[in-house]
Amino acid sequence: MLSLGQSAEIRRVFDVADMRDFERLSGAQAGVHVPEPLIAALFSQLLGMQLPGPGTQYLKQGLDFIAPARPGETLTARVAITRLRSDKRLVDLQAVCLGGDGRLICQGRALVKAPTAKFS
């Protein structure tokens, strides 16, 4: 069952090899910082695998990137439920990613449609 304030987080380190793989797969230059799409993917993993979990449908997401992430640092991505609409199975979540030193990398919101079982 989903509840207001419920949260999930993941920690991940992107190294230089990950950045090279990103360049190879996307055709984009990664530069010296972790590419924003790699960081955004952490939220996709959280929403699709943990909260709400498998069967979740992504409706929209908006992220504001505040500071660059450095290769080799531990990133902590977290989502927390801020609103539930059980009649439509909609879940609003706050999304935040912090760098290894606690600085804010990005913040934003996501709206998803949760599997029916999560509202039973």
PDB file of N, CA and C in Angstrom:
ATOM      1  N   MET A   1       0.834  -1.183   0.000  1.00  0.00           N
ATOM      2  CA  MET A   1       0.000   0.000   0.000  1.00  0.00           C
ATOM      3  C   MET A   1       0.884   1.254   0.000  1.00  0.00           C
ATOM      4  N   LEU A   2       0.517   2.207  -0.791  1.00  0.00           N
ATOM      5  CA  LEU A   2       1.246   3.470  -0.884  1.00  0.00           C
ATOM      6  C   LEU A   2       0.729   4.431   0.191  1.00  0.00           C
ATOM      7  N   SER A   3       1.635   5.289   0.678  1.00  0.00           N
ATOM      8  CA  SER A   3       1.230   6.272   1.679  1.00  0.00           C
ATOM      9  C   SER A   3       2.027   7.566   1.500  1.00  0.00           C
ATOM     10  N   LEU A   4       1.405   8.664   1.919  1.00  0.00           N
ATOM     11  CA  LEU A   4       2.089   9.965   1.862  1.00  0.00           C
ATOM     12  C   LEU A   4       3.393   9.902   2.644  1.00  0.00           C
ATOM     13  N   GLY A   5       4.439  10.490   2.077  1.00  0.00           N
ATOM     14  CA  GLY A   5       5.737  10.519   2.740  1.00  0.00           C
ATOM     15  C   GLY A   5       6.593   9.296   2.501  1.00  0.00           C
ATOM     16  N   GLN A   6       6.006   8.233   1.984  1.00  0.00           N
ATOM     17  CA  GLN A   6       6.775   7.024   1.698  1.00  0.00           C
ATOM     18  C   GLN A   6       7.891   7.374   0.711  1.00  0.00           C
ATOM     19  N   SER A   7       9.065   6.797   0.903  1.00  0.00           N
ATOM     20  CA  SER A   7      10.198   7.161   0.050  1.00  0.00           C
ATOM     21  C   SER A   7      11.049   5.944  -0.294  1.00  0.00           C
ATOM     22  N   ALA A   8      11.882   6.136  -1.290  1.00  0.00           N
ATOM     23  CA  ALA A   8      12.858   5.123  -1.702  1.00  0.00           C
ATOM     24  C   ALA A   8      14.084   5.854  -2.223  1.00  0.00           C
ATOM     25  N   GLU A   9      15.239   5.236  -2.062  1.00  0.00           N
ATOM     26  CA  GLU A   9      16.452   5.861  -2.584  1.00  0.00           C
ATOM     27  C   GLU A   9      17.402   4.816  -3.113  1.00  0.00           C
ATOM     28  N   ILE A  10      18.310   5.306  -3.947  1.00  0.00           N
ATOM     29  CA  ILE A  10      19.337   4.462  -4.544  1.00  0.00           C
ATOM     30  C   ILE A  10      20.637   5.260  -4.549  1.00  0.00           C
ATOM     31  N   ARG A  11      21.736   4.551  -4.374  1.00  0.00           N
ATOM     32  CA  ARG A  11      23.065   5.167  -4.474  1.00  0.00           C
ATOM     33  C   ARG A  11      23.771   4.546  -5.672  1.00  0.00           C
ATOM     34  N   ARG A  12      24.484   5.394  -6.376  1.00  0.00           N
ATOM     35  CA  ARG A  12      25.175   4.912  -7.578  1.00  0.00           C
ATOM     36  C   ARG A  12      26.413   5.761  -7.822  1.00  0.00           C
ATOM     37  N   VAL A  13      27.466   5.118  -8.283  1.00  0.00           N
ATOM     38  CA  VAL A  13      28.678   5.802  -8.712  1.00  0.00           C
ATOM     39  C   VAL A  13      28.807   5.587 -10.213  1.00  0.00           C
ATOM     40  N   PHE A  14      28.874   6.693 -10.970  1.00  0.00           N
ATOM     41  CA  PHE A  14      29.136   6.608 -12.406  1.00  0.00           C
ATOM     42  C   PHE A  14      30.622   6.889 -12.609  1.00  0.00           C
ATOM     43  N   ASP A  15      31.319   5.950 -13.235  1.00  0.00           N
ATOM     44  CA  ASP A  15      32.751   6.142 -13.467  1.00  0.00           C
ATOM     45  C   ASP A  15      33.008   6.521 -14.926  1.00  0.00           C
ATOM     46  N   VAL A  16      34.249   6.680 -15.264  1.00  0.00           N
ATOM     47  CA  VAL A  16      34.628   7.098 -16.611  1.00  0.00           C
ATOM     48  C   VAL A  16      34.161   6.076 -17.647  1.00  0.00           C
ATOM     49  N   ALA A  17      34.206   4.796 -17.316  1.00  0.00           N
ATOM     50  CA  ALA A  17      33.741   3.763 -18.248  1.00  0.00           C
ATOM     51  C   ALA A  17      32.245   3.933 -18.531  1.00  0.00           C
ATOM     52  N   ASP A  18      31.451   4.277 -17.513  1.00  0.00           N
ATOM     53  CA  ASP A  18      30.016   4.525 -17.721  1.00  0.00           C
ATOM     54  C   ASP A  18      29.814   5.699 -18.674  1.00  0.00           C
ATOM     55  N   MET A  19      30.628   6.719 -18.511  1.00  0.00           N
ATOM     56  CA  MET A  19      30.507   7.897 -19.374  1.00  0.00           C
ATOM     57  C   MET A  19      30.883   7.556 -20.819  1.00  0.00           C
ATOM     58  N   ARG A  20      31.897   6.725 -20.996  1.00  0.00           N
ATOM     59  CA  ARG A  20      32.275   6.281 -22.345  1.00  0.00           C
ATOM     60  C   ARG A  20      31.142   5.457 -22.970  1.00  0.00           C
ATOM     61  N   ASP A  21      30.532   4.587 -22.167  1.00  0.00           N
ATOM     62  CA  ASP A  21      29.395   3.798 -22.667  1.00  0.00           C
ATOM     63  C   ASP A  21      28.242   4.721 -23.060  1.00  0.00           C
ATOM     64  N   PHE A  22      27.981   5.738 -22.261  1.00  0.00           N
ATOM     65  CA  PHE A  22      26.929   6.702 -22.589  1.00  0.00           C
ATOM     66  C   PHE A  22      27.226   7.364 -23.936  1.00  0.00           C
ATOM     67  N   GLU A  23      28.459   7.789 -24.134  1.00  0.00           N
ATOM     68  CA  GLU A  23      28.841   8.429 -25.400  1.00  0.00           C
ATOM     69  C   GLU A  23      28.647   7.476 -26.575  1.00  0.00           C
ATOM     70  N   ARG A  24      29.052   6.239 -26.390  1.00  0.00           N
ATOM     71  CA  ARG A  24      28.950   5.239 -27.457  1.00  0.00           C
ATOM     72  C   ARG A  24      27.482   4.962 -27.780  1.00  0.00           C
ATOM     73  N   LEU A  25      26.649   4.818 -26.779  1.00  0.00           N
ATOM     74  CA  LEU A  25      25.244   4.474 -27.001  1.00  0.00           C
ATOM     75  C   LEU A  25      24.402   5.651 -27.487  1.00  0.00           C
ATOM     76  N   SER A  26      24.692   6.845 -26.991  1.00  0.00           N
ATOM     77  CA  SER A  26      23.852   7.999 -27.318  1.00  0.00           C
ATOM     78  C   SER A  26      24.381   8.821 -28.491  1.00  0.00           C
ATOM     79  N   GLY A  27      25.683   8.732 -28.732  1.00  0.00           N
ATOM     80  CA  GLY A  27      26.292   9.568 -29.757  1.00  0.00           C
ATOM     81  C   GLY A  27      26.586  10.972 -29.264  1.00  0.00           C
ATOM     82  N   ALA A  28      26.307  11.247 -28.000  1.00  0.00           N
ATOM     83  CA  ALA A  28      26.545  12.572 -27.404  1.00  0.00           C
ATOM     84  C   ALA A  28      27.856  12.555 -26.623  1.00  0.00           C
ATOM     85  N   GLN A  29      28.487  13.697 -26.549  1.00  0.00           N
ATOM     86  CA  GLN A  29      29.708  13.837 -25.768  1.00  0.00           C
ATOM     87  C   GLN A  29      29.343  14.004 -24.298  1.00  0.00           C
ATOM     88  N   ALA A  30      29.953  13.224 -23.435  1.00  0.00           N
ATOM     89  CA  ALA A  30      29.662  13.279 -22.003  1.00  0.00           C
ATOM     90  C   ALA A  30      30.338  14.473 -21.340  1.00  0.00           C
ATOM     91  N   GLY A  31      31.474  14.897 -21.842  1.00  0.00           N
ATOM     92  CA  GLY A  31      32.205  15.984 -21.190  1.00  0.00           C
ATOM     93  C   GLY A  31      32.898  15.500 -19.930  1.00  0.00           C
ATOM     94  N   VAL A  32      33.135  16.403 -18.997  1.00  0.00           N
ATOM     95  CA  VAL A  32      33.878  16.058 -17.778  1.00  0.00           C
ATOM     96  C   VAL A  32      32.964  15.729 -16.606  1.00  0.00           C
ATOM     97  N   HIS A  33      31.649  15.966 -16.754  1.00  0.00           N
ATOM     98  CA  HIS A  33      30.691  15.692 -15.683  1.00  0.00           C
ATOM     99  C   HIS A  33      29.767  14.552 -16.092  1.00  0.00           C
ATOM    100  N   VAL A  34      29.143  13.934 -15.103  1.00  0.00           N
ATOM    101  CA  VAL A  34      28.186  12.872 -15.381  1.00  0.00           C
ATOM    102  C   VAL A  34      27.021  13.467 -16.182  1.00  0.00           C
ATOM    103  N   PRO A  35      26.677  12.881 -17.317  1.00  0.00           N
ATOM    104  CA  PRO A  35      25.581  13.411 -18.132  1.00  0.00           C
ATOM    105  C   PRO A  35      24.245  13.379 -17.387  1.00  0.00           C
ATOM    106  N   GLU A  36      23.457  14.427 -17.560  1.00  0.00           N
ATOM    107  CA  GLU A  36      22.174  14.535 -16.886  1.00  0.00           C
ATOM    108  C   GLU A  36      21.256  13.346 -17.179  1.00  0.00           C
ATOM    109  N   PRO A  37      21.211  12.800 -18.417  1.00  0.00           N
ATOM    110  CA  PRO A  37      20.347  11.644 -18.657  1.00  0.00           C
ATOM    111  C   PRO A  37      20.702  10.424 -17.796  1.00  0.00           C
ATOM    112  N   LEU A  38      21.975  10.248 -17.477  1.00  0.00           N
ATOM    113  CA  LEU A  38      22.347   9.138 -16.594  1.00  0.00           C
ATOM    114  C   LEU A  38      21.787   9.355 -15.193  1.00  0.00           C
ATOM    115  N   ILE A  39      21.824  10.591 -14.725  1.00  0.00           N
ATOM    116  CA  ILE A  39      21.277  10.899 -13.398  1.00  0.00           C
ATOM    117  C   ILE A  39      19.759  10.729 -13.412  1.00  0.00           C
ATOM    118  N   ALA A  40      19.099  11.215 -14.450  1.00  0.00           N
ATOM    119  CA  ALA A  40      17.641  11.081 -14.554  1.00  0.00           C
ATOM    120  C   ALA A  40      17.232   9.610 -14.578  1.00  0.00           C
ATOM    121  N   ALA A  41      18.075   8.754 -15.130  1.00  0.00           N
ATOM    122  CA  ALA A  41      17.757   7.326 -15.184  1.00  0.00           C
ATOM    123  C   ALA A  41      17.660   6.707 -13.789  1.00  0.00           C
ATOM    124  N   LEU A  42      18.331   7.298 -12.818  1.00  0.00           N
ATOM    125  CA  LEU A  42      18.217   6.791 -11.452  1.00  0.00           C
ATOM    126  C   LEU A  42      16.773   6.888 -10.963  1.00  0.00           C
ATOM    127  N   PHE A  43      16.092   7.965 -11.331  1.00  0.00           N
ATOM    128  CA  PHE A  43      14.699   8.134 -10.918  1.00  0.00           C
ATOM    129  C   PHE A  43      13.802   7.130 -11.641  1.00  0.00           C
ATOM    130  N   SER A  44      14.098   6.852 -12.903  1.00  0.00           N
ATOM    131  CA  SER A  44      13.333   5.845 -13.629  1.00  0.00           C
ATOM    132  C   SER A  44      13.467   4.489 -12.951  1.00  0.00           C
ATOM    133  N   GLN A  45      14.664   4.166 -12.510  1.00  0.00           N
ATOM    134  CA  GLN A  45      14.892   2.899 -11.814  1.00  0.00           C
ATOM    135  C   GLN A  45      14.106   2.864 -10.506  1.00  0.00           C
ATOM    136  N   LEU A  46      14.158   3.951  -9.746  1.00  0.00           N
ATOM    137  CA  LEU A  46      13.426   3.994  -8.476  1.00  0.00           C
ATOM    138  C   LEU A  46      11.925   3.819  -8.678  1.00  0.00           C
ATOM    139  N   LEU A  47      11.360   4.573  -9.623  1.00  0.00           N
ATOM    140  CA  LEU A  47       9.914   4.544  -9.837  1.00  0.00           C
ATOM    141  C   LEU A  47       9.456   3.213 -10.428  1.00  0.00           C
ATOM    142  N   GLY A  48      10.218   2.665 -11.338  1.00  0.00           N
ATOM    143  CA  GLY A  48       9.816   1.433 -12.000  1.00  0.00           C
ATOM    144  C   GLY A  48      10.098   0.169 -11.227  1.00  0.00           C
ATOM    145  N   MET A  49      11.041   0.228 -10.309  1.00  0.00           N
ATOM    146  CA  MET A  49      11.434  -0.986  -9.592  1.00  0.00           C
ATOM    147  C   MET A  49      11.122  -0.950  -8.093  1.00  0.00           C
ATOM    148  N   GLN A  50      11.036   0.256  -7.502  1.00  0.00           N
ATOM    149  CA  GLN A  50      10.858   0.317  -6.052  1.00  0.00           C
ATOM    150  C   GLN A  50       9.581   1.015  -5.613  1.00  0.00           C
ATOM    151  N   LEU A  51       9.382   2.246  -6.013  1.00  0.00           N
ATOM    152  CA  LEU A  51       8.249   3.029  -5.519  1.00  0.00           C
ATOM    153  C   LEU A  51       7.637   3.850  -6.641  1.00  0.00           C
ATOM    154  N   PRO A  52       6.494   3.528  -7.133  1.00  0.00           N
ATOM    155  CA  PRO A  52       5.590   2.450  -6.749  1.00  0.00           C
ATOM    156  C   PRO A  52       6.059   1.043  -7.125  1.00  0.00           C
ATOM    157  N   GLY A  53       6.875   0.882  -8.176  1.00  0.00           N
ATOM    158  CA  GLY A  53       7.400  -0.438  -8.494  1.00  0.00           C
ATOM    159  C   GLY A  53       6.962  -0.942  -9.851  1.00  0.00           C
ATOM    160  N   PRO A  54       7.205  -2.234 -10.118  1.00  0.00           N
ATOM    161  CA  PRO A  54       6.872  -2.820 -11.417  1.00  0.00           C
ATOM    162  C   PRO A  54       5.413  -2.574 -11.797  1.00  0.00           C
ATOM    163  N   GLY A  55       5.209  -2.247 -13.068  1.00  0.00           N
ATOM    164  CA  GLY A  55       3.875  -1.951 -13.574  1.00  0.00           C
ATOM    165  C   GLY A  55       3.531  -0.472 -13.545  1.00  0.00           C
ATOM    166  N   THR A  56       4.417   0.347 -12.977  1.00  0.00           N
ATOM    167  CA  THR A  56       4.196   1.796 -12.915  1.00  0.00           C
ATOM    168  C   THR A  56       4.277   2.383 -14.313  1.00  0.00           C
ATOM    169  N   GLN A  57       3.372   3.323 -14.608  1.00  0.00           N
ATOM    170  CA  GLN A  57       3.392   4.041 -15.880  1.00  0.00           C
ATOM    171  C   GLN A  57       3.864   5.469 -15.629  1.00  0.00           C
ATOM    172  N   TYR A  58       4.928   5.849 -16.299  1.00  0.00           N
ATOM    173  CA  TYR A  58       5.465   7.210 -16.212  1.00  0.00           C
ATOM    174  C   TYR A  58       4.549   8.155 -16.977  1.00  0.00           C
ATOM    175  N   LEU A  59       4.079   9.218 -16.353  1.00  0.00           N
ATOM    176  CA  LEU A  59       3.257  10.200 -17.049  1.00  0.00           C
ATOM    177  C   LEU A  59       4.050  11.467 -17.352  1.00  0.00           C
ATOM    178  N   LYS A  60       4.793  11.973 -16.377  1.00  0.00           N
ATOM    179  CA  LYS A  60       5.681  13.110 -16.649  1.00  0.00           C
ATOM    180  C   LYS A  60       6.697  13.266 -15.533  1.00  0.00           C
ATOM    181  N   GLN A  61       7.786  13.940 -15.881  1.00  0.00           N
ATOM    182  CA  GLN A  61       8.853  14.227 -14.924  1.00  0.00           C
ATOM    183  C   GLN A  61       9.497  15.534 -15.322  1.00  0.00           C
ATOM    184  N   GLY A  62       9.845  16.318 -14.344  1.00  0.00           N
ATOM    185  CA  GLY A  62      10.600  17.543 -14.569  1.00  0.00           C
ATOM    186  C   GLY A  62      11.712  17.625 -13.555  1.00  0.00           C
ATOM    187  N   LEU A  63      12.924  17.854 -14.028  1.00  0.00           N
ATOM    188  CA  LEU A  63      14.080  17.973 -13.145  1.00  0.00           C
ATOM    189  C   LEU A  63      14.816  19.269 -13.445  1.00  0.00           C
ATOM    190  N   ASP A  64      15.217  19.953 -12.402  1.00  0.00           N
ATOM    191  CA  ASP A  64      16.086  21.120 -12.520  1.00  0.00           C
ATOM    192  C   ASP A  64      17.466  20.707 -12.030  1.00  0.00           C
ATOM    193  N   PHE A  65      18.464  20.830 -12.908  1.00  0.00           N
ATOM    194  CA  PHE A  65      19.834  20.468 -12.531  1.00  0.00           C
ATOM    195  C   PHE A  65      20.526  21.709 -11.984  1.00  0.00           C
ATOM    196  N   ILE A  66      21.008  21.591 -10.762  1.00  0.00           N
ATOM    197  CA  ILE A  66      21.570  22.708 -10.011  1.00  0.00           C
ATOM    198  C   ILE A  66      23.103  22.721 -10.074  1.00  0.00           C
ATOM    199  N   ALA A  67      23.700  21.547  -9.934  1.00  0.00           N
ATOM    200  CA  ALA A  67      25.160  21.431  -9.903  1.00  0.00           C
ATOM    201  C   ALA A  67      25.572  20.189 -10.685  1.00  0.00           C
ATOM    202  N   PRO A  68      26.769  20.209 -11.253  1.00  0.00           N
ATOM    203  CA  PRO A  68      27.236  19.027 -11.992  1.00  0.00           C
ATOM    204  C   PRO A  68      27.659  17.907 -11.039  1.00  0.00           C
ATOM    205  N   ALA A  69      27.519  16.685 -11.512  1.00  0.00           N
ATOM    206  CA  ALA A  69      27.990  15.516 -10.754  1.00  0.00           C
ATOM    207  C   ALA A  69      29.335  15.091 -11.319  1.00  0.00           C
ATOM    208  N   ARG A  70      30.238  14.745 -10.443  1.00  0.00           N
ATOM    209  CA  ARG A  70      31.583  14.338 -10.853  1.00  0.00           C
ATOM    210  C   ARG A  70      31.675  12.819 -11.017  1.00  0.00           C
ATOM    211  N   PRO A  71      32.360  12.367 -12.033  1.00  0.00           N
ATOM    212  CA  PRO A  71      32.588  10.925 -12.162  1.00  0.00           C
ATOM    213  C   PRO A  71      33.290  10.401 -10.914  1.00  0.00           C
ATOM    214  N   GLY A  72      32.878   9.235 -10.459  1.00  0.00           N
ATOM    215  CA  GLY A  72      33.521   8.612  -9.301  1.00  0.00           C
ATOM    216  C   GLY A  72      32.909   8.983  -7.960  1.00  0.00           C
ATOM    217  N   GLU A  73      31.993   9.943  -7.925  1.00  0.00           N
ATOM    218  CA  GLU A  73      31.377  10.289  -6.639  1.00  0.00           C
ATOM    219  C   GLU A  73      30.082   9.506  -6.452  1.00  0.00           C
ATOM    220  N   THR A  74      29.745   9.247  -5.220  1.00  0.00           N
ATOM    221  CA  THR A  74      28.508   8.550  -4.906  1.00  0.00           C
ATOM    222  C   THR A  74      27.340   9.522  -4.995  1.00  0.00           C
ATOM    223  N   LEU A  75      26.386   9.181  -5.848  1.00  0.00           N
ATOM    224  CA  LEU A  75      25.168   9.978  -5.990  1.00  0.00           C
ATOM    225  C   LEU A  75      24.043   9.261  -5.258  1.00  0.00           C
ATOM    226  N   THR A  76      23.213  10.031  -4.570  1.00  0.00           N
ATOM    227  CA  THR A  76      22.053   9.474  -3.886  1.00  0.00           C
ATOM    228  C   THR A  76      20.805  10.095  -4.482  1.00  0.00           C
ATOM    229  N   ALA A  77      19.990   9.280  -5.146  1.00  0.00           N
ATOM    230  CA  ALA A  77      18.729   9.730  -5.718  1.00  0.00           C
ATOM    231  C   ALA A  77      17.607   9.236  -4.813  1.00  0.00           C
ATOM    232  N   ARG A  78      16.628  10.110  -4.574  1.00  0.00           N
ATOM    233  CA  ARG A  78      15.540   9.787  -3.653  1.00  0.00           C
ATOM    234  C   ARG A  78      14.229  10.296  -4.226  1.00  0.00           C
ATOM    235  N   VAL A  79      13.182   9.495  -4.088  1.00  0.00           N
ATOM    236  CA  VAL A  79      11.830   9.928  -4.423  1.00  0.00           C
ATOM    237  C   VAL A  79      10.966   9.776  -3.184  1.00  0.00           C
ATOM    238  N   ALA A  80      10.016  10.701  -3.012  1.00  0.00           N
ATOM    239  CA  ALA A  80       9.098  10.654  -1.879  1.00  0.00           C
ATOM    240  C   ALA A  80       7.703  11.033  -2.351  1.00  0.00           C
ATOM    241  N   ILE A  81       6.702  10.303  -1.895  1.00  0.00           N
ATOM    242  CA  ILE A  81       5.318  10.561  -2.286  1.00  0.00           C
ATOM    243  C   ILE A  81       4.816  11.823  -1.603  1.00  0.00           C
ATOM    244  N   THR A  82       4.307  12.756  -2.420  1.00  0.00           N
ATOM    245  CA  THR A  82       3.778  14.015  -1.895  1.00  0.00           C
ATOM    246  C   THR A  82       2.261  14.123  -2.046  1.00  0.00           C
ATOM    247  N   ARG A  83       1.683  13.289  -2.925  1.00  0.00           N
ATOM    248  CA  ARG A  83       0.239  13.321  -3.124  1.00  0.00           C
ATOM    249  C   ARG A  83      -0.209  12.007  -3.753  1.00  0.00           C
ATOM    250  N   LEU A  84      -1.371  11.534  -3.290  1.00  0.00           N
ATOM    251  CA  LEU A  84      -1.971  10.319  -3.835  1.00  0.00           C
ATOM    252  C   LEU A  84      -3.398  10.621  -4.282  1.00  0.00           C
ATOM    253  N   ARG A  85      -3.763  10.120  -5.460  1.00  0.00           N
ATOM    254  CA  ARG A  85      -5.151  10.205  -5.950  1.00  0.00           C
ATOM    255  C   ARG A  85      -5.587   8.789  -6.282  1.00  0.00           C
ATOM    256  N   SER A  86      -6.107   8.111  -5.269  1.00  0.00           N
ATOM    257  CA  SER A  86      -6.444   6.699  -5.433  1.00  0.00           C
ATOM    258  C   SER A  86      -7.523   6.470  -6.481  1.00  0.00           C
ATOM    259  N   ASP A  87      -8.425   7.451  -6.697  1.00  0.00           N
ATOM    260  CA  ASP A  87      -9.488   7.276  -7.691  1.00  0.00           C
ATOM    261  C   ASP A  87      -8.923   7.092  -9.103  1.00  0.00           C
ATOM    262  N   LYS A  88      -7.759   7.675  -9.366  1.00  0.00           N
ATOM    263  CA  LYS A  88      -7.127   7.560 -10.689  1.00  0.00           C
ATOM    264  C   LYS A  88      -5.778   6.831 -10.630  1.00  0.00           C
ATOM    265  N   ARG A  89      -5.417   6.349  -9.450  1.00  0.00           N
ATOM    266  CA  ARG A  89      -4.137   5.659  -9.217  1.00  0.00           C
ATOM    267  C   ARG A  89      -2.933   6.554  -9.508  1.00  0.00           C
ATOM    268  N   LEU A  90      -3.091   7.858  -9.316  1.00  0.00           N
ATOM    269  CA  LEU A  90      -2.011   8.801  -9.587  1.00  0.00           C
ATOM    270  C   LEU A  90      -1.177   9.033  -8.342  1.00  0.00           C
ATOM    271  N   VAL A  91       0.129   9.118  -8.564  1.00  0.00           N
ATOM    272  CA  VAL A  91       1.078   9.350  -7.475  1.00  0.00           C
ATOM    273  C   VAL A  91       2.007  10.490  -7.886  1.00  0.00           C
ATOM    274  N   ASP A  92       2.025  11.558  -7.076  1.00  0.00           N
ATOM    275  CA  ASP A  92       2.981  12.653  -7.266  1.00  0.00           C
ATOM    276  C   ASP A  92       4.161  12.394  -6.345  1.00  0.00           C
ATOM    277  N   LEU A  93       5.355  12.604  -6.861  1.00  0.00           N
ATOM    278  CA  LEU A  93       6.554  12.381  -6.057  1.00  0.00           C
ATOM    279  C   LEU A  93       7.543  13.521  -6.212  1.00  0.00           C
ATOM    280  N   GLN A  94       8.229  13.814  -5.136  1.00  0.00           N
ATOM    281  CA  GLN A  94       9.358  14.735  -5.167  1.00  0.00           C
ATOM    282  C   GLN A  94      10.590  13.902  -5.497  1.00  0.00           C
ATOM    283  N   ALA A  95      11.473  14.448  -6.321  1.00  0.00           N
ATOM    284  CA  ALA A  95      12.702  13.759  -6.713  1.00  0.00           C
ATOM    285  C   ALA A  95      13.895  14.650  -6.389  1.00  0.00           C
ATOM    286  N   VAL A  96      14.901  14.067  -5.737  1.00  0.00           N
ATOM    287  CA  VAL A  96      16.100  14.813  -5.349  1.00  0.00           C
ATOM    288  C   VAL A  96      17.318  13.921  -5.552  1.00  0.00           C
ATOM    289  N   CYS A  97      18.398  14.508  -6.054  1.00  0.00           N
ATOM    290  CA  CYS A  97      19.672  13.793  -6.147  1.00  0.00           C
ATOM    291  C   CYS A  97      20.747  14.639  -5.485  1.00  0.00           C
ATOM    292  N   LEU A  98      21.505  14.007  -4.600  1.00  0.00           N
ATOM    293  CA  LEU A  98      22.589  14.675  -3.877  1.00  0.00           C
ATOM    294  C   LEU A  98      23.928  14.086  -4.281  1.00  0.00           C
ATOM    295  N   GLY A  99      24.946  14.942  -4.302  1.00  0.00           N
ATOM    296  CA  GLY A  99      26.307  14.496  -4.558  1.00  0.00           C
ATOM    297  C   GLY A  99      26.917  13.897  -3.302  1.00  0.00           C
ATOM    298  N   GLY A 100      28.101  13.337  -3.444  1.00  0.00           N
ATOM    299  CA  GLY A 100      28.784  12.696  -2.328  1.00  0.00           C
ATOM    300  C   GLY A 100      29.038  13.600  -1.142  1.00  0.00           C
ATOM    301  N   ASP A 101      29.151  14.907  -1.402  1.00  0.00           N
ATOM    302  CA  ASP A 101      29.392  15.863  -0.315  1.00  0.00           C
ATOM    303  C   ASP A 101      28.096  16.489   0.195  1.00  0.00           C
ATOM    304  N   GLY A 102      26.945  15.987  -0.267  1.00  0.00           N
ATOM    305  CA  GLY A 102      25.655  16.494   0.189  1.00  0.00           C
ATOM    306  C   GLY A 102      25.091  17.645  -0.630  1.00  0.00           C
ATOM    307  N   ARG A 103      25.833  18.102  -1.651  1.00  0.00           N
ATOM    308  CA  ARG A 103      25.310  19.220  -2.446  1.00  0.00           C
ATOM    309  C   ARG A 103      24.172  18.749  -3.339  1.00  0.00           C
ATOM    310  N   LEU A 104      23.271  19.660  -3.626  1.00  0.00           N
ATOM    311  CA  LEU A 104      22.113  19.358  -4.454  1.00  0.00           C
ATOM    312  C   LEU A 104      22.531  19.299  -5.919  1.00  0.00           C
ATOM    313  N   ILE A 105      22.345  18.141  -6.543  1.00  0.00           N
ATOM    314  CA  ILE A 105      22.650  17.956  -7.957  1.00  0.00           C
ATOM    315  C   ILE A 105      21.420  18.333  -8.785  1.00  0.00           C
ATOM    316  N   CYS A 106      20.262  17.781  -8.416  1.00  0.00           N
ATOM    317  CA  CYS A 106      19.025  18.120  -9.116  1.00  0.00           C
ATOM    318  C   CYS A 106      17.837  17.880  -8.206  1.00  0.00           C
ATOM    319  N   GLN A 107      16.745  18.518  -8.584  1.00  0.00           N
ATOM    320  CA  GLN A 107      15.492  18.333  -7.858  1.00  0.00           C
ATOM    321  C   GLN A 107      14.342  18.497  -8.832  1.00  0.00           C
ATOM    322  N   GLY A 108      13.217  17.897  -8.494  1.00  0.00           N
ATOM    323  CA  GLY A 108      12.061  18.017  -9.369  1.00  0.00           C
ATOM    324  C   GLY A 108      10.906  17.194  -8.879  1.00  0.00           C
ATOM    325  N   ARG A 109      10.028  16.863  -9.824  1.00  0.00           N
ATOM    326  CA  ARG A 109       8.792  16.150  -9.516  1.00  0.00           C
ATOM    327  C   ARG A 109       8.545  15.090 -10.591  1.00  0.00           C
ATOM    328  N   ALA A 110       7.774  14.101 -10.203  1.00  0.00           N
ATOM    329  CA  ALA A 110       7.346  13.073 -11.143  1.00  0.00           C
ATOM    330  C   ALA A 110       5.877  12.756 -10.872  1.00  0.00           C
ATOM    331  N   LEU A 111       5.163  12.421 -11.927  1.00  0.00           N
ATOM    332  CA  LEU A 111       3.784  11.976 -11.829  1.00  0.00           C
ATOM    333  C   LEU A 111       3.712  10.614 -12.509  1.00  0.00           C
ATOM    334  N   VAL A 112       3.197   9.629 -11.773  1.00  0.00           N
ATOM    335  CA  VAL A 112       3.097   8.267 -12.307  1.00  0.00           C
ATOM    336  C   VAL A 112       1.712   7.707 -12.020  1.00  0.00           C
ATOM    337  N   LYS A 113       1.383   6.672 -12.773  1.00  0.00           N
ATOM    338  CA  LYS A 113       0.165   5.915 -12.514  1.00  0.00           C
ATOM    339  C   LYS A 113       0.622   4.588 -11.956  1.00  0.00           C
ATOM    340  N   ALA A 114       0.187   4.302 -10.737  1.00  0.00           N
ATOM    341  CA  ALA A 114       0.647   3.114 -10.039  1.00  0.00           C
ATOM    342  C   ALA A 114      -0.191   1.888 -10.412  1.00  0.00           C
ATOM    343  N   PRO A 115       0.392   0.710 -10.277  1.00  0.00           N
ATOM    344  CA  PRO A 115      -0.384  -0.511 -10.510  1.00  0.00           C
ATOM    345  C   PRO A 115      -1.579  -0.575  -9.552  1.00  0.00           C
ATOM    346  N   THR A 116      -2.646  -1.202  -9.993  1.00  0.00           N
ATOM    347  CA  THR A 116      -3.867  -1.315  -9.189  1.00  0.00           C
ATOM    348  C   THR A 116      -3.600  -1.890  -7.809  1.00  0.00           C
ATOM    349  N   ALA A 117      -2.756  -2.894  -7.731  1.00  0.00           N
ATOM    350  CA  ALA A 117      -2.486  -3.568  -6.458  1.00  0.00           C
ATOM    351  C   ALA A 117      -1.945  -2.636  -5.387  1.00  0.00           C
ATOM    352  N   LYS A 118      -1.286  -1.562  -5.788  1.00  0.00           N
ATOM    353  CA  LYS A 118      -0.688  -0.636  -4.829  1.00  0.00           C
ATOM    354  C   LYS A 118      -1.749   0.201  -4.093  1.00  0.00           C
ATOM    355  N   PHE A 119      -2.977   0.234  -4.606  1.00  0.00           N
ATOM    356  CA  PHE A 119      -4.059   1.009  -3.994  1.00  0.00           C
ATOM    357  C   PHE A 119      -5.112   0.141  -3.342  1.00  0.00           C
ATOM    358  N   SER A 120      -4.955  -1.184  -3.382  1.00  0.00           N
ATOM    359  CA  SER A 120      -5.967  -2.086  -2.828  1.00  0.00           C
ATOM    360  C   SER A 120      -6.062  -1.979  -1.328  1.00  0.00           C
TER     361      SER A 120
END
